[in-house]
Amino acid sequence: MEVLLDDLARLELDDASEYYELEVPGLGRQFREAVKRGIRRILEYPTAWPEEDEDVRRHLLHKFPYKILYSIEKDYIYIIAIAHCHRRPDYWIDTILNKS
């Protein structure tokens, strides 16, 4: 199965990685690796994580306060957001509604 990242998710990944790298050298790379591991686990077990909202699931990252929000589509996993767990909850819902 293929993975597609929304432009917003890609931007969030880049921004968070840059922030962590500025805080502690190497931490940005560790964050990216944690996201990659999370996506691999999602691909292995797409229905294993709870629903955040209708048809949107969340996978929490270990060691970082982020979650991967995704939907399971017919031929791919769609990564909607890589969201900080404590900032602007549910901001991503408006993003999805605006794209519909």
C-alpha atoms as a PDB file:
ATOM      1  CA  MET A   1       0.000   0.000   0.000  1.00  0.00           C
ATOM      2  CA  GLU A   2       1.178   3.515  -0.803  1.00  0.00           C
ATOM      3  CA  VAL A   3       1.414   6.514   1.537  1.00  0.00           C
ATOM      4  CA  LEU A   4       0.417  10.006   0.446  1.00  0.00           C
ATOM      5  CA  LEU A   5       1.331  13.014   2.603  1.00  0.00           C
ATOM      6  CA  ASP A   6      -0.839  16.096   2.493  1.00  0.00           C
ATOM      7  CA  ASP A   7       1.121  19.290   1.793  1.00  0.00           C
ATOM      8  CA  LEU A   8       0.231  20.483   5.309  1.00  0.00           C
ATOM      9  CA  ALA A   9       1.628  17.286   6.846  1.00  0.00           C
ATOM     10  CA  ARG A  10       4.866  17.676   4.894  1.00  0.00           C
ATOM     11  CA  LEU A  11       5.171  21.304   6.039  1.00  0.00           C
ATOM     12  CA  GLU A  12       4.510  20.315   9.657  1.00  0.00           C
ATOM     13  CA  LEU A  13       7.156  17.601   9.448  1.00  0.00           C
ATOM     14  CA  ASP A  14       9.716  20.040   8.044  1.00  0.00           C
ATOM     15  CA  ASP A  15       8.892  22.786  10.566  1.00  0.00           C
ATOM     16  CA  ALA A  16       9.023  20.496  13.593  1.00  0.00           C
ATOM     17  CA  SER A  17      12.266  18.876  12.389  1.00  0.00           C
ATOM     18  CA  GLU A  18      13.907  22.273  11.928  1.00  0.00           C
ATOM     19  CA  TYR A  19      12.728  23.438  15.352  1.00  0.00           C
ATOM     20  CA  TYR A  20      14.057  20.338  17.115  1.00  0.00           C
ATOM     21  CA  GLU A  21      17.345  20.537  15.229  1.00  0.00           C
ATOM     22  CA  LEU A  22      17.824  24.139  16.356  1.00  0.00           C
ATOM     23  CA  GLU A  23      17.091  23.145  19.958  1.00  0.00           C
ATOM     24  CA  VAL A  24      19.462  20.174  20.050  1.00  0.00           C
ATOM     25  CA  PRO A  25      21.636  19.069  17.138  1.00  0.00           C
ATOM     26  CA  GLY A  26      20.482  15.650  15.958  1.00  0.00           C
ATOM     27  CA  LEU A  27      17.040  15.898  17.537  1.00  0.00           C
ATOM     28  CA  GLY A  28      15.418  16.949  14.259  1.00  0.00           C
ATOM     29  CA  ARG A  29      16.759  13.796  12.627  1.00  0.00           C
ATOM     30  CA  GLN A  30      15.424  11.726  15.536  1.00  0.00           C
ATOM     31  CA  PHE A  31      12.006  13.327  15.091  1.00  0.00           C
ATOM     32  CA  ARG A  32      11.970  12.462  11.381  1.00  0.00           C
ATOM     33  CA  GLU A  33      12.951   8.878  12.206  1.00  0.00           C
ATOM     34  CA  ALA A  34      10.128   8.651  14.767  1.00  0.00           C
ATOM     35  CA  VAL A  35       7.658   9.832  12.117  1.00  0.00           C
ATOM     36  CA  LYS A  36       9.020   7.291   9.605  1.00  0.00           C
ATOM     37  CA  ARG A  37       8.691   4.504  12.179  1.00  0.00           C
ATOM     38  CA  GLY A  38       5.141   5.612  12.893  1.00  0.00           C
ATOM     39  CA  ILE A  39       4.224   5.569   9.227  1.00  0.00           C
ATOM     40  CA  ARG A  40       5.753   2.101   8.809  1.00  0.00           C
ATOM     41  CA  ARG A  41       3.665   0.838  11.730  1.00  0.00           C
ATOM     42  CA  ILE A  42       0.547   2.438  10.259  1.00  0.00           C
ATOM     43  CA  LEU A  43       1.236   0.638   6.973  1.00  0.00           C
ATOM     44  CA  GLU A  44       1.643  -2.680   8.793  1.00  0.00           C
ATOM     45  CA  TYR A  45      -1.453  -2.289  10.980  1.00  0.00           C
ATOM     46  CA  PRO A  46      -3.649   0.478   9.537  1.00  0.00           C
ATOM     47  CA  THR A  47      -6.658  -0.203  11.760  1.00  0.00           C
ATOM     48  CA  ALA A  48      -4.709  -0.667  15.005  1.00  0.00           C
ATOM     49  CA  TRP A  49      -4.960   2.938  16.179  1.00  0.00           C
ATOM     50  CA  PRO A  50      -8.047   4.680  17.496  1.00  0.00           C
ATOM     51  CA  GLU A  51     -10.225   7.063  15.558  1.00  0.00           C
ATOM     52  CA  GLU A  52      -9.661  10.753  16.275  1.00  0.00           C
ATOM     53  CA  ASP A  53     -12.736  11.692  14.287  1.00  0.00           C
ATOM     54  CA  GLU A  54     -14.923   9.957  11.731  1.00  0.00           C
ATOM     55  CA  ASP A  55     -12.641   8.046   9.331  1.00  0.00           C
ATOM     56  CA  VAL A  56      -9.502   9.732  10.737  1.00  0.00           C
ATOM     57  CA  ARG A  57      -7.152   7.741  12.953  1.00  0.00           C
ATOM     58  CA  ARG A  58      -4.270   8.861  15.133  1.00  0.00           C
ATOM     59  CA  HIS A  59      -0.925   7.304  15.863  1.00  0.00           C
ATOM     60  CA  LEU A  60       0.946   8.873  18.780  1.00  0.00           C
ATOM     61  CA  LEU A  61       4.707   9.224  18.501  1.00  0.00           C
ATOM     62  CA  HIS A  62       6.905   8.000  21.314  1.00  0.00           C
ATOM     63  CA  LYS A  63       9.219  10.603  22.904  1.00  0.00           C
ATOM     64  CA  PHE A  64       7.675  13.499  20.967  1.00  0.00           C
ATOM     65  CA  PRO A  65       4.332  15.260  21.648  1.00  0.00           C
ATOM     66  CA  TYR A  66       3.071  14.666  18.112  1.00  0.00           C
ATOM     67  CA  LYS A  67       0.494  12.483  16.439  1.00  0.00           C
ATOM     68  CA  ILE A  68       0.126  11.296  12.880  1.00  0.00           C
ATOM     69  CA  LEU A  69      -3.433  11.773  11.659  1.00  0.00           C
ATOM     70  CA  TYR A  70      -4.376   9.580   8.742  1.00  0.00           C
ATOM     71  CA  SER A  71      -7.220   8.016   6.809  1.00  0.00           C
ATOM     72  CA  ILE A  72      -7.361   4.627   5.189  1.00  0.00           C
ATOM     73  CA  GLU A  73      -8.319   4.965   1.540  1.00  0.00           C
ATOM     74  CA  LYS A  74      -8.965   2.189  -0.962  1.00  0.00           C
ATOM     75  CA  ASP A  75      -5.440   2.104  -2.424  1.00  0.00           C
ATOM     76  CA  TYR A  76      -3.367   4.186  -0.024  1.00  0.00           C
ATOM     77  CA  ILE A  77      -2.912   5.668   3.437  1.00  0.00           C
ATOM     78  CA  TYR A  78      -3.465   9.424   3.415  1.00  0.00           C
ATOM     79  CA  ILE A  79      -1.428  11.319   6.030  1.00  0.00           C
ATOM     80  CA  ILE A  80      -3.558  14.340   6.871  1.00  0.00           C
ATOM     81  CA  ALA A  81      -1.375  16.001   9.486  1.00  0.00           C
ATOM     82  CA  ILE A  82       1.605  15.568  11.768  1.00  0.00           C
ATOM     83  CA  ALA A  83       0.123  17.524  14.613  1.00  0.00           C
ATOM     84  CA  HIS A  84       1.453  18.703  17.944  1.00  0.00           C
ATOM     85  CA  CYS A  85      -0.722  17.129  20.632  1.00  0.00           C
ATOM     86  CA  HIS A  86      -1.052  20.289  22.744  1.00  0.00           C
ATOM     87  CA  ARG A  87      -1.443  23.080  20.189  1.00  0.00           C
ATOM     88  CA  ARG A  88      -4.676  24.105  18.473  1.00  0.00           C
ATOM     89  CA  PRO A  89      -6.598  20.866  18.826  1.00  0.00           C
ATOM     90  CA  ASP A  90      -8.697  19.886  15.844  1.00  0.00           C
ATOM     91  CA  TYR A  91      -7.230  22.586  13.550  1.00  0.00           C
ATOM     92  CA  TRP A  92      -6.796  19.925  10.901  1.00  0.00           C
ATOM     93  CA  ILE A  93     -10.558  19.374  10.572  1.00  0.00           C
ATOM     94  CA  ASP A  94     -11.001  22.762   8.886  1.00  0.00           C
ATOM     95  CA  THR A  95      -8.144  21.926   6.546  1.00  0.00           C
ATOM     96  CA  ILE A  96      -9.854  18.733   5.427  1.00  0.00           C
ATOM     97  CA  LEU A  97     -13.256  20.410   5.065  1.00  0.00           C
ATOM     98  CA  ASN A  98     -11.755  23.157   2.905  1.00  0.00           C
ATOM     99  CA  LYS A  99     -10.245  20.570   0.558  1.00  0.00           C
ATOM    100  CA  SER A 100     -13.525  18.719   0.069  1.00  0.00           C
END
